[in-house]
N, C-alpha and C. Protein backbone atom coordinates (compact mmCIF):
# COMPACT_ATOMS: atom_id res chain seq x y z
N UNK A 1 62.50 28.82 -14.21
CA UNK A 1 62.71 28.99 -12.77
C UNK A 1 63.05 30.44 -12.45
N UNK A 2 62.49 30.95 -11.32
CA UNK A 2 62.85 32.29 -10.90
C UNK A 2 64.27 32.29 -10.36
N UNK A 3 64.92 33.44 -10.40
CA UNK A 3 66.30 33.55 -9.95
C UNK A 3 66.41 33.31 -8.45
N UNK A 4 65.30 33.52 -7.73
CA UNK A 4 65.32 33.27 -6.29
C UNK A 4 64.21 32.30 -5.96
N UNK A 5 64.52 31.21 -5.30
CA UNK A 5 63.53 30.20 -4.98
C UNK A 5 62.72 30.62 -3.77
N UNK A 6 61.54 30.01 -3.62
CA UNK A 6 60.69 30.31 -2.47
C UNK A 6 61.40 29.96 -1.17
N UNK A 7 62.12 28.82 -1.16
CA UNK A 7 62.85 28.41 0.04
C UNK A 7 63.90 29.45 0.41
N UNK A 8 64.61 29.95 -0.60
CA UNK A 8 65.62 30.98 -0.35
C UNK A 8 64.96 32.25 0.19
N UNK A 9 63.83 32.63 -0.40
CA UNK A 9 63.10 33.79 0.09
C UNK A 9 62.72 33.63 1.56
N UNK A 10 62.25 32.45 1.90
CA UNK A 10 61.82 32.20 3.28
C UNK A 10 63.01 32.31 4.24
N UNK A 11 64.17 31.84 3.81
CA UNK A 11 65.36 31.93 4.66
C UNK A 11 65.74 33.39 4.91
N UNK A 12 65.75 34.19 3.83
CA UNK A 12 66.04 35.62 3.97
C UNK A 12 65.01 36.29 4.87
N UNK A 13 63.75 35.93 4.66
CA UNK A 13 62.67 36.52 5.44
C UNK A 13 62.83 36.25 6.92
N UNK A 14 63.12 35.01 7.28
CA UNK A 14 63.25 34.66 8.68
C UNK A 14 64.44 35.38 9.33
N UNK A 15 65.55 35.51 8.61
CA UNK A 15 66.69 36.24 9.14
C UNK A 15 66.34 37.70 9.40
N UNK A 16 65.60 38.29 8.48
CA UNK A 16 65.20 39.69 8.63
C UNK A 16 64.24 39.86 9.80
N UNK A 17 63.30 38.93 9.94
CA UNK A 17 62.31 39.04 11.01
C UNK A 17 62.93 38.97 12.39
N UNK A 18 64.02 38.23 12.53
CA UNK A 18 64.68 38.14 13.82
C UNK A 18 65.22 39.49 14.26
N UNK A 19 65.53 40.37 13.31
CA UNK A 19 66.05 41.69 13.64
C UNK A 19 64.93 42.69 13.91
N UNK A 20 63.75 42.48 13.33
CA UNK A 20 62.67 43.45 13.46
C UNK A 20 62.06 43.45 14.84
N UNK A 21 61.52 42.34 15.26
CA UNK A 21 60.98 42.17 16.60
C UNK A 21 60.06 43.31 17.01
N UNK A 22 59.02 43.52 16.21
CA UNK A 22 58.10 44.63 16.40
C UNK A 22 57.00 44.26 17.38
N UNK A 23 56.81 45.07 18.40
CA UNK A 23 55.83 44.79 19.45
C UNK A 23 54.58 45.65 19.27
N UNK A 24 53.43 45.01 19.37
CA UNK A 24 52.13 45.67 19.21
C UNK A 24 51.38 45.61 20.54
N UNK A 25 50.66 46.68 20.85
CA UNK A 25 49.88 46.76 22.08
C UNK A 25 48.39 46.79 21.74
N UNK A 26 47.63 45.88 22.38
CA UNK A 26 46.18 45.79 22.19
C UNK A 26 45.50 45.58 23.54
N UNK A 27 44.18 45.59 23.52
CA UNK A 27 43.44 45.20 24.73
C UNK A 27 43.42 43.67 24.82
N UNK A 28 43.18 43.16 26.03
CA UNK A 28 43.35 41.73 26.27
C UNK A 28 42.09 40.89 26.11
N UNK A 29 40.92 41.52 25.94
CA UNK A 29 39.72 40.77 25.57
C UNK A 29 38.66 41.77 25.11
N UNK A 30 37.44 41.30 24.83
CA UNK A 30 36.44 42.13 24.15
C UNK A 30 36.08 43.40 24.92
N UNK A 31 36.21 43.38 26.23
CA UNK A 31 35.96 44.57 27.05
C UNK A 31 37.17 44.86 27.92
N UNK A 32 38.35 44.54 27.39
CA UNK A 32 39.55 44.45 28.22
C UNK A 32 40.37 45.71 28.35
N UNK A 33 41.50 45.52 29.02
CA UNK A 33 42.44 46.60 29.32
C UNK A 33 43.61 46.57 28.34
N UNK A 34 44.30 47.69 28.24
CA UNK A 34 45.39 47.84 27.28
C UNK A 34 46.68 47.24 27.85
N UNK A 35 46.74 45.91 27.85
CA UNK A 35 47.89 45.22 28.44
C UNK A 35 48.43 44.09 27.56
N UNK A 36 47.79 43.85 26.41
CA UNK A 36 48.16 42.72 25.56
C UNK A 36 49.30 43.10 24.63
N UNK A 37 50.48 42.55 24.83
CA UNK A 37 51.62 42.78 23.95
C UNK A 37 51.90 41.53 23.12
N UNK A 38 52.17 41.74 21.85
CA UNK A 38 52.49 40.62 20.97
C UNK A 38 53.34 41.12 19.82
N UNK A 39 53.97 40.20 19.13
CA UNK A 39 54.83 40.54 18.00
C UNK A 39 54.12 40.21 16.69
N UNK A 40 54.11 41.14 15.78
CA UNK A 40 53.58 40.92 14.44
C UNK A 40 54.74 40.88 13.46
N UNK A 41 54.79 39.84 12.66
CA UNK A 41 55.87 39.67 11.70
C UNK A 41 55.34 39.80 10.28
N UNK A 42 56.23 39.96 9.36
CA UNK A 42 55.85 39.96 7.95
C UNK A 42 55.25 38.62 7.57
N UNK A 43 55.71 37.55 8.16
CA UNK A 43 55.16 36.23 7.88
C UNK A 43 53.68 36.17 8.27
N UNK A 44 53.31 36.81 9.38
CA UNK A 44 51.90 36.89 9.76
C UNK A 44 51.10 37.64 8.70
N UNK A 45 51.67 38.74 8.21
CA UNK A 45 50.99 39.55 7.20
C UNK A 45 50.80 38.78 5.90
N UNK A 46 51.75 37.91 5.56
CA UNK A 46 51.62 37.09 4.36
C UNK A 46 50.38 36.21 4.46
N UNK A 47 50.16 35.62 5.62
CA UNK A 47 48.98 34.75 5.81
C UNK A 47 47.69 35.57 5.69
N UNK A 48 47.71 36.79 6.21
CA UNK A 48 46.53 37.64 6.13
C UNK A 48 46.27 38.08 4.69
N UNK A 49 47.33 38.43 3.98
CA UNK A 49 47.20 38.97 2.62
C UNK A 49 46.95 37.88 1.58
N UNK A 50 47.60 36.73 1.77
CA UNK A 50 47.41 35.61 0.85
C UNK A 50 48.66 35.19 0.11
N UNK A 51 49.66 36.08 0.00
CA UNK A 51 50.90 35.73 -0.68
C UNK A 51 51.99 36.73 -0.29
N UNK A 52 53.22 36.31 -0.50
CA UNK A 52 54.37 37.20 -0.31
C UNK A 52 54.65 37.91 -1.62
N UNK A 53 54.79 39.24 -1.58
CA UNK A 53 55.05 40.00 -2.80
C UNK A 53 55.81 41.27 -2.44
N UNK A 54 56.29 41.95 -3.48
CA UNK A 54 57.09 43.15 -3.24
C UNK A 54 56.28 44.26 -2.59
N UNK A 55 55.01 44.39 -2.98
CA UNK A 55 54.18 45.43 -2.40
C UNK A 55 53.95 45.23 -0.91
N UNK A 56 53.80 43.97 -0.51
CA UNK A 56 53.60 43.67 0.91
C UNK A 56 54.85 44.02 1.70
N UNK A 57 56.02 43.70 1.15
CA UNK A 57 57.28 44.00 1.82
C UNK A 57 57.50 45.52 1.92
N UNK A 58 57.26 46.22 0.82
CA UNK A 58 57.40 47.68 0.83
C UNK A 58 56.45 48.29 1.86
N UNK A 59 55.22 47.83 1.88
CA UNK A 59 54.26 48.36 2.84
C UNK A 59 54.67 48.10 4.27
N UNK A 60 55.11 46.88 4.56
CA UNK A 60 55.50 46.51 5.91
C UNK A 60 56.70 47.32 6.38
N UNK A 61 57.71 47.39 5.54
CA UNK A 61 58.92 48.12 5.91
C UNK A 61 58.66 49.61 6.04
N UNK A 62 57.96 50.18 5.06
CA UNK A 62 57.72 51.61 5.08
C UNK A 62 56.84 52.05 6.22
N UNK A 63 55.74 51.34 6.45
CA UNK A 63 54.85 51.70 7.55
C UNK A 63 55.54 51.51 8.89
N UNK A 64 56.36 50.48 9.00
CA UNK A 64 57.12 50.28 10.25
C UNK A 64 57.99 51.49 10.55
N UNK A 65 58.64 52.04 9.52
CA UNK A 65 59.48 53.23 9.73
C UNK A 65 58.67 54.40 10.26
N UNK A 66 57.48 54.62 9.71
CA UNK A 66 56.63 55.71 10.19
C UNK A 66 56.12 55.45 11.60
N UNK A 67 55.77 54.20 11.89
CA UNK A 67 55.26 53.87 13.22
C UNK A 67 56.35 54.00 14.28
N UNK A 68 57.59 53.72 13.91
CA UNK A 68 58.69 53.90 14.86
C UNK A 68 58.84 55.37 15.23
N UNK A 69 58.50 56.27 14.30
CA UNK A 69 58.53 57.71 14.60
C UNK A 69 57.40 58.08 15.57
N UNK A 70 56.24 57.48 15.35
CA UNK A 70 55.10 57.78 16.22
C UNK A 70 55.27 57.19 17.61
N UNK A 71 55.90 56.02 17.67
CA UNK A 71 56.09 55.30 18.94
C UNK A 71 57.57 54.98 19.11
N UNK A 72 58.36 55.92 19.58
CA UNK A 72 59.82 55.73 19.67
C UNK A 72 60.23 54.57 20.58
N UNK A 73 59.36 54.16 21.49
CA UNK A 73 59.69 53.03 22.35
C UNK A 73 59.48 51.69 21.65
N UNK A 74 59.04 51.75 20.38
CA UNK A 74 58.82 50.58 19.52
C UNK A 74 57.65 49.71 19.94
N UNK A 75 56.81 50.20 20.85
CA UNK A 75 55.57 49.50 21.19
C UNK A 75 54.43 50.27 20.52
N UNK A 76 53.84 49.69 19.51
CA UNK A 76 52.84 50.36 18.69
C UNK A 76 51.45 50.10 19.24
N UNK A 77 50.77 51.16 19.68
CA UNK A 77 49.44 51.04 20.27
C UNK A 77 48.39 51.02 19.16
N UNK A 78 47.83 49.84 18.89
CA UNK A 78 46.86 49.73 17.82
C UNK A 78 45.50 50.30 18.20
N UNK A 79 45.31 50.66 19.46
CA UNK A 79 44.07 51.30 19.87
C UNK A 79 44.16 52.82 19.75
N UNK A 80 45.31 53.33 19.35
CA UNK A 80 45.57 54.76 19.36
C UNK A 80 46.13 55.24 18.02
N UNK A 81 45.85 54.48 16.95
CA UNK A 81 46.47 54.76 15.66
C UNK A 81 45.43 54.74 14.55
N UNK A 82 45.53 55.67 13.63
CA UNK A 82 44.67 55.67 12.46
C UNK A 82 45.51 55.98 11.22
N UNK A 83 45.00 55.56 10.05
CA UNK A 83 45.87 55.56 8.87
C UNK A 83 45.08 55.77 7.59
N UNK A 84 45.72 56.46 6.64
CA UNK A 84 45.24 56.58 5.27
C UNK A 84 46.22 55.82 4.38
N UNK A 85 45.70 55.04 3.45
CA UNK A 85 46.55 54.24 2.57
C UNK A 85 46.20 54.48 1.12
N UNK A 86 47.19 54.35 0.24
CA UNK A 86 46.91 54.21 -1.18
C UNK A 86 46.08 52.95 -1.39
N UNK A 87 45.45 52.82 -2.57
CA UNK A 87 44.47 51.75 -2.77
C UNK A 87 45.07 50.40 -3.12
N UNK A 88 46.38 50.29 -3.23
CA UNK A 88 47.01 49.00 -3.52
C UNK A 88 46.52 47.92 -2.55
N UNK A 89 46.13 46.73 -3.05
CA UNK A 89 45.72 45.66 -2.14
C UNK A 89 46.79 45.32 -1.10
N UNK A 90 48.05 45.36 -1.52
CA UNK A 90 49.15 45.05 -0.60
C UNK A 90 49.26 46.12 0.49
N UNK A 91 49.27 47.38 0.08
CA UNK A 91 49.42 48.47 1.04
C UNK A 91 48.25 48.54 2.00
N UNK A 92 47.03 48.37 1.50
CA UNK A 92 45.88 48.46 2.39
C UNK A 92 45.85 47.33 3.40
N UNK A 93 46.23 46.13 2.99
CA UNK A 93 46.25 45.01 3.95
C UNK A 93 47.29 45.24 5.04
N UNK A 94 48.46 45.77 4.67
CA UNK A 94 49.46 46.08 5.69
C UNK A 94 48.96 47.18 6.61
N UNK A 95 48.31 48.20 6.06
CA UNK A 95 47.79 49.29 6.88
C UNK A 95 46.83 48.77 7.95
N UNK A 96 45.92 47.91 7.53
CA UNK A 96 44.94 47.36 8.46
C UNK A 96 45.61 46.45 9.49
N UNK A 97 46.52 45.60 9.00
CA UNK A 97 47.10 44.59 9.89
C UNK A 97 48.02 45.20 10.94
N UNK A 98 48.86 46.15 10.53
CA UNK A 98 49.82 46.70 11.49
C UNK A 98 49.20 47.70 12.45
N UNK A 99 48.23 48.48 11.99
CA UNK A 99 47.68 49.53 12.85
C UNK A 99 46.37 49.15 13.51
N UNK A 100 45.71 48.11 13.00
CA UNK A 100 44.39 47.77 13.52
C UNK A 100 43.31 48.70 13.02
N UNK A 101 43.63 49.57 12.06
CA UNK A 101 42.66 50.55 11.56
C UNK A 101 41.50 49.90 10.83
N UNK A 102 40.31 50.45 11.03
CA UNK A 102 39.10 50.00 10.34
C UNK A 102 38.24 51.22 10.00
N UNK A 103 37.66 51.21 8.80
CA UNK A 103 36.83 52.34 8.40
C UNK A 103 35.66 52.54 9.35
N UNK A 104 35.02 51.44 9.77
CA UNK A 104 33.81 51.57 10.58
C UNK A 104 34.07 52.18 11.96
N UNK A 105 35.34 52.22 12.35
CA UNK A 105 35.70 52.81 13.64
C UNK A 105 36.44 54.14 13.46
N UNK A 106 36.40 54.68 12.24
CA UNK A 106 37.01 55.98 11.93
C UNK A 106 38.52 55.97 12.14
N UNK A 107 39.17 54.85 11.82
CA UNK A 107 40.62 54.76 11.97
C UNK A 107 41.34 54.33 10.69
N UNK A 108 40.60 54.21 9.59
CA UNK A 108 41.22 53.80 8.32
C UNK A 108 40.37 54.27 7.16
N UNK A 109 41.03 54.82 6.14
CA UNK A 109 40.37 54.99 4.86
C UNK A 109 41.41 55.00 3.75
N UNK A 110 40.93 54.91 2.51
CA UNK A 110 41.79 54.77 1.34
C UNK A 110 41.66 56.00 0.46
N UNK A 111 42.78 56.50 -0.04
CA UNK A 111 42.76 57.64 -0.94
C UNK A 111 43.96 57.59 -1.87
N UNK A 112 43.71 57.73 -3.17
CA UNK A 112 44.80 57.83 -4.13
C UNK A 112 45.18 59.27 -4.42
N UNK A 113 44.58 60.20 -3.68
CA UNK A 113 44.93 61.61 -3.86
C UNK A 113 46.15 61.99 -3.02
N UNK A 114 46.54 61.14 -2.07
CA UNK A 114 47.72 61.44 -1.26
C UNK A 114 48.98 61.14 -2.07
N UNK A 115 50.05 61.86 -1.80
CA UNK A 115 51.30 61.69 -2.53
C UNK A 115 52.26 60.75 -1.80
N UNK A 116 51.75 60.01 -0.86
CA UNK A 116 52.54 59.06 -0.07
C UNK A 116 51.89 57.68 -0.16
N UNK A 117 52.61 56.65 0.30
CA UNK A 117 52.00 55.34 0.44
C UNK A 117 51.02 55.34 1.60
N UNK A 118 51.44 55.97 2.71
CA UNK A 118 50.62 56.04 3.92
C UNK A 118 50.74 57.41 4.58
N UNK A 119 49.66 57.81 5.24
CA UNK A 119 49.70 58.87 6.23
C UNK A 119 49.13 58.27 7.51
N UNK A 120 49.92 58.26 8.57
CA UNK A 120 49.53 57.58 9.80
C UNK A 120 49.59 58.56 10.97
N UNK A 121 48.61 58.47 11.86
CA UNK A 121 48.47 59.45 12.93
C UNK A 121 48.20 58.79 14.27
N UNK A 122 48.86 59.34 15.32
CA UNK A 122 48.50 58.99 16.69
C UNK A 122 47.26 59.78 17.08
N UNK A 123 46.27 59.11 17.63
CA UNK A 123 45.01 59.77 17.96
C UNK A 123 45.17 60.68 19.17
N UNK A 124 45.97 60.28 20.15
CA UNK A 124 46.04 61.05 21.39
C UNK A 124 46.70 62.40 21.22
N UNK A 125 47.80 62.48 20.49
CA UNK A 125 48.51 63.76 20.36
C UNK A 125 48.48 64.34 18.94
N UNK A 126 47.78 63.65 18.01
CA UNK A 126 47.62 64.07 16.61
C UNK A 126 48.95 64.15 15.85
N UNK A 127 50.00 63.57 16.40
CA UNK A 127 51.28 63.53 15.67
C UNK A 127 51.07 62.67 14.43
N UNK A 128 51.57 63.16 13.29
CA UNK A 128 51.27 62.52 12.00
C UNK A 128 52.54 62.40 11.17
N UNK A 129 52.73 61.22 10.57
CA UNK A 129 53.85 61.01 9.66
C UNK A 129 53.35 60.42 8.35
N UNK A 130 54.04 60.78 7.27
CA UNK A 130 53.77 60.22 5.95
C UNK A 130 55.01 59.51 5.46
N UNK A 131 54.82 58.45 4.68
CA UNK A 131 55.96 57.64 4.24
C UNK A 131 55.77 57.21 2.80
N UNK A 132 56.88 57.16 2.06
CA UNK A 132 56.87 56.66 0.69
C UNK A 132 58.28 56.21 0.34
N UNK A 133 58.37 55.38 -0.70
CA UNK A 133 59.68 54.96 -1.22
C UNK A 133 60.41 56.16 -1.83
N UNK A 134 61.72 56.18 -1.67
CA UNK A 134 62.51 57.19 -2.34
C UNK A 134 62.48 56.94 -3.85
N UNK A 135 62.55 58.00 -4.65
CA UNK A 135 62.58 57.83 -6.11
C UNK A 135 63.77 56.96 -6.54
N UNK A 136 63.52 56.08 -7.49
CA UNK A 136 64.57 55.24 -8.04
C UNK A 136 64.81 53.94 -7.30
N UNK A 137 64.17 53.75 -6.17
CA UNK A 137 64.35 52.50 -5.42
C UNK A 137 63.64 51.34 -6.11
N UNK A 138 62.43 51.57 -6.55
CA UNK A 138 61.66 50.52 -7.21
C UNK A 138 61.89 50.58 -8.71
N UNK A 139 62.25 49.47 -9.34
CA UNK A 139 62.46 49.47 -10.79
C UNK A 139 61.19 49.91 -11.53
N UNK A 140 61.31 50.83 -12.47
CA UNK A 140 60.16 51.38 -13.17
C UNK A 140 59.43 50.32 -14.00
N UNK A 141 60.16 49.27 -14.40
CA UNK A 141 59.54 48.24 -15.22
C UNK A 141 58.44 47.50 -14.45
N UNK A 142 58.51 47.48 -13.13
CA UNK A 142 57.47 46.82 -12.34
C UNK A 142 56.13 47.52 -12.53
N UNK A 143 56.14 48.84 -12.48
CA UNK A 143 54.90 49.58 -12.67
C UNK A 143 54.42 49.53 -14.11
N UNK A 144 55.34 49.60 -15.07
CA UNK A 144 54.92 49.59 -16.47
C UNK A 144 54.31 48.25 -16.86
N UNK A 145 54.93 47.15 -16.44
CA UNK A 145 54.35 45.83 -16.72
C UNK A 145 53.10 45.60 -15.89
N UNK A 146 53.11 46.09 -14.65
CA UNK A 146 51.94 45.95 -13.80
C UNK A 146 50.73 46.66 -14.37
N UNK A 147 50.93 47.82 -14.95
CA UNK A 147 49.82 48.55 -15.58
C UNK A 147 49.24 47.76 -16.75
N UNK A 148 50.11 47.11 -17.52
CA UNK A 148 49.62 46.27 -18.61
C UNK A 148 48.83 45.09 -18.09
N UNK A 149 49.30 44.48 -17.00
CA UNK A 149 48.58 43.35 -16.41
C UNK A 149 47.21 43.79 -15.90
N UNK A 150 47.13 45.00 -15.37
CA UNK A 150 45.86 45.50 -14.81
C UNK A 150 44.78 45.68 -15.87
N UNK A 151 45.19 45.89 -17.11
CA UNK A 151 44.20 46.08 -18.18
C UNK A 151 44.14 44.87 -19.10
N UNK A 152 44.73 43.74 -18.64
CA UNK A 152 44.61 42.50 -19.37
C UNK A 152 45.47 42.39 -20.61
N UNK A 153 46.52 43.21 -20.70
CA UNK A 153 47.36 43.21 -21.89
C UNK A 153 48.73 42.57 -21.67
N UNK A 154 48.86 41.78 -20.62
CA UNK A 154 50.11 41.06 -20.37
C UNK A 154 49.80 39.57 -20.44
N UNK A 155 50.46 38.87 -21.36
CA UNK A 155 50.18 37.44 -21.52
C UNK A 155 50.84 36.64 -20.40
N UNK A 156 50.65 35.32 -20.44
CA UNK A 156 51.15 34.46 -19.37
C UNK A 156 52.66 34.56 -19.22
N UNK A 157 53.37 34.63 -20.34
CA UNK A 157 54.82 34.77 -20.28
C UNK A 157 55.21 36.09 -19.63
N UNK A 158 54.49 37.15 -19.98
CA UNK A 158 54.77 38.46 -19.40
C UNK A 158 54.49 38.50 -17.90
N UNK A 159 53.43 37.83 -17.48
CA UNK A 159 53.11 37.76 -16.04
C UNK A 159 54.22 37.05 -15.29
N UNK A 160 54.73 35.94 -15.87
CA UNK A 160 55.83 35.23 -15.23
C UNK A 160 57.08 36.09 -15.15
N UNK A 161 57.33 36.86 -16.19
CA UNK A 161 58.50 37.76 -16.18
C UNK A 161 58.34 38.83 -15.11
N UNK A 162 57.15 39.38 -14.98
CA UNK A 162 56.88 40.38 -13.96
C UNK A 162 57.09 39.80 -12.57
N UNK A 163 56.62 38.58 -12.38
CA UNK A 163 56.80 37.91 -11.08
C UNK A 163 58.28 37.77 -10.74
N UNK A 164 59.07 37.41 -11.72
CA UNK A 164 60.51 37.26 -11.52
C UNK A 164 61.15 38.59 -11.14
N UNK A 165 60.77 39.66 -11.82
CA UNK A 165 61.34 40.98 -11.53
C UNK A 165 60.92 41.44 -10.13
N UNK A 166 59.65 41.22 -9.79
CA UNK A 166 59.18 41.61 -8.46
C UNK A 166 59.89 40.83 -7.36
N UNK A 167 60.17 39.56 -7.61
CA UNK A 167 60.88 38.75 -6.61
C UNK A 167 62.30 39.26 -6.39
N UNK A 168 62.96 39.70 -7.45
CA UNK A 168 64.30 40.27 -7.31
C UNK A 168 64.26 41.55 -6.48
N UNK A 169 63.27 42.39 -6.75
CA UNK A 169 63.10 43.63 -5.99
C UNK A 169 62.76 43.32 -4.53
N UNK A 170 61.90 42.34 -4.33
CA UNK A 170 61.53 41.90 -2.98
C UNK A 170 62.77 41.47 -2.20
N UNK A 171 63.61 40.66 -2.84
CA UNK A 171 64.83 40.19 -2.20
C UNK A 171 65.73 41.37 -1.83
N UNK A 172 65.83 42.32 -2.74
CA UNK A 172 66.66 43.51 -2.47
C UNK A 172 66.14 44.28 -1.27
N UNK A 173 64.82 44.44 -1.18
CA UNK A 173 64.23 45.20 -0.07
C UNK A 173 64.43 44.49 1.27
N UNK A 174 64.36 43.18 1.27
CA UNK A 174 64.49 42.43 2.52
C UNK A 174 65.89 42.56 3.13
N UNK A 175 66.89 42.71 2.29
CA UNK A 175 68.27 42.78 2.80
C UNK A 175 68.79 44.22 2.85
N UNK A 176 67.95 45.18 2.48
CA UNK A 176 68.37 46.58 2.50
C UNK A 176 68.11 47.21 3.86
N UNK A 177 68.68 48.39 4.09
CA UNK A 177 68.38 49.16 5.28
C UNK A 177 67.16 50.02 4.97
N UNK A 178 66.06 49.76 5.66
CA UNK A 178 64.81 50.44 5.36
C UNK A 178 64.93 51.95 5.52
N UNK A 179 65.75 52.39 6.48
CA UNK A 179 65.89 53.84 6.71
C UNK A 179 66.42 54.55 5.47
N UNK A 180 67.17 53.84 4.65
CA UNK A 180 67.75 54.45 3.46
C UNK A 180 66.85 54.35 2.24
N UNK A 181 65.78 53.57 2.34
CA UNK A 181 64.91 53.34 1.19
C UNK A 181 63.65 54.20 1.20
N UNK A 182 63.31 54.77 2.36
CA UNK A 182 62.04 55.48 2.49
C UNK A 182 62.22 56.93 2.90
N UNK A 183 61.30 57.76 2.46
CA UNK A 183 61.16 59.12 2.95
C UNK A 183 60.06 59.12 4.00
N UNK A 184 60.38 59.55 5.21
CA UNK A 184 59.40 59.65 6.29
C UNK A 184 59.35 61.11 6.72
N UNK A 185 58.21 61.73 6.57
CA UNK A 185 58.07 63.17 6.84
C UNK A 185 56.96 63.42 7.85
N UNK A 186 57.22 64.31 8.79
CA UNK A 186 56.17 64.70 9.71
C UNK A 186 55.26 65.73 9.04
N UNK A 187 53.95 65.57 9.24
CA UNK A 187 52.97 66.51 8.72
C UNK A 187 52.33 67.24 9.91
N UNK A 188 52.46 68.54 9.95
CA UNK A 188 51.92 69.31 11.05
C UNK A 188 50.50 69.77 10.73
N UNK A 189 49.68 69.87 11.77
CA UNK A 189 48.30 70.35 11.64
C UNK A 189 47.49 69.53 10.63
N UNK A 190 47.74 68.23 10.62
CA UNK A 190 47.01 67.37 9.69
C UNK A 190 45.57 67.19 10.14
N UNK A 191 44.63 67.33 9.19
CA UNK A 191 43.21 67.19 9.49
C UNK A 191 42.72 65.83 9.00
N UNK A 192 42.20 65.03 9.89
CA UNK A 192 41.65 63.72 9.55
C UNK A 192 40.27 63.92 8.93
N UNK A 193 40.10 63.51 7.68
CA UNK A 193 38.85 63.77 6.96
C UNK A 193 38.46 62.51 6.17
N UNK A 194 37.94 61.49 6.86
CA UNK A 194 37.68 60.20 6.20
C UNK A 194 36.53 60.26 5.21
N UNK A 195 36.65 59.45 4.17
CA UNK A 195 35.57 59.30 3.21
C UNK A 195 35.57 57.86 2.72
N UNK A 196 34.41 57.38 2.33
CA UNK A 196 34.27 55.98 1.91
C UNK A 196 34.16 55.90 0.40
N UNK A 197 34.96 55.00 -0.17
CA UNK A 197 34.86 54.72 -1.60
C UNK A 197 35.06 53.23 -1.80
N UNK A 198 34.17 52.59 -2.51
CA UNK A 198 34.27 51.14 -2.70
C UNK A 198 34.43 50.75 -4.16
N UNK A 199 35.03 51.63 -4.95
CA UNK A 199 35.20 51.36 -6.38
C UNK A 199 36.66 51.14 -6.78
N UNK A 200 37.55 51.02 -5.80
CA UNK A 200 38.95 50.71 -6.12
C UNK A 200 39.03 49.29 -6.69
N UNK A 201 39.97 49.08 -7.61
CA UNK A 201 40.12 47.77 -8.27
C UNK A 201 41.12 46.93 -7.50
N UNK A 202 40.74 45.70 -7.15
CA UNK A 202 41.65 44.77 -6.47
C UNK A 202 42.52 44.10 -7.53
N UNK A 203 43.67 44.71 -7.79
CA UNK A 203 44.49 44.33 -8.95
C UNK A 203 45.16 42.97 -8.81
N UNK A 204 45.27 42.45 -7.58
CA UNK A 204 46.01 41.19 -7.43
C UNK A 204 45.17 39.96 -7.75
N UNK A 205 43.94 40.14 -8.22
CA UNK A 205 43.12 38.98 -8.61
C UNK A 205 42.69 39.06 -10.08
N UNK A 206 43.15 40.06 -10.81
CA UNK A 206 42.68 40.27 -12.18
C UNK A 206 43.12 39.15 -13.13
N UNK A 207 44.26 38.54 -12.86
CA UNK A 207 44.79 37.52 -13.76
C UNK A 207 44.76 36.12 -13.14
N UNK A 208 43.85 35.91 -12.21
CA UNK A 208 43.89 34.66 -11.43
C UNK A 208 43.55 33.41 -12.26
N UNK A 209 42.93 33.59 -13.39
CA UNK A 209 42.59 32.43 -14.21
C UNK A 209 43.48 32.29 -15.46
N UNK A 210 44.48 33.16 -15.57
CA UNK A 210 45.38 33.08 -16.72
C UNK A 210 46.38 31.95 -16.50
N UNK A 211 46.48 31.07 -17.47
CA UNK A 211 47.32 29.88 -17.32
C UNK A 211 48.80 30.28 -17.22
N UNK A 212 49.55 29.46 -16.45
CA UNK A 212 50.99 29.67 -16.32
C UNK A 212 51.67 29.34 -17.64
N UNK A 213 52.66 30.15 -17.99
CA UNK A 213 53.41 29.93 -19.23
C UNK A 213 54.40 28.81 -19.04
N UNK A 214 54.49 27.90 -20.02
CA UNK A 214 55.46 26.79 -19.97
C UNK A 214 56.42 26.91 -21.15
């Protein structure tokens, strides 16, 4: 058994979501006006992504901090935002879901050459912020075991152990103050230079057929 149950995770998640109350602005129909306001929660992102995980939580919390800088009134205009993300499946799904960015509309692309999790920009005034976790926040064992899993060198027992460690980190992030966990920096004179690459590896499906350890 993991140290934290799914039910317990859901309880923590719901308590945290009540404090976030993030408002998104969109158009109200296919040819509509910019009047549609709605709330996007981490729970919504879980349904879009497919599962709750530490990467999804880190992405949601970190990107929210950067978006609050871009939109101090806390109403995030998804028609006026574009973003660059690291190639992590979790980070890219959060980038798309929170900002509405899409490559085909020149508002989203992926790059592992950036030294941040995200670089996000307001289109109207070109104000740009970058965000990443502070050093030492994420346990290093998550990346070391994750790298082994990505190349097929982590057995079923190891995968279960990694899941347990990630759940502990996830729980810690949900109850932490996000402002203290992330570095958010303004980038001046940032040049938007999108490029398409479709060779990134979707790491969250590599072990989907590996049997659970008993």
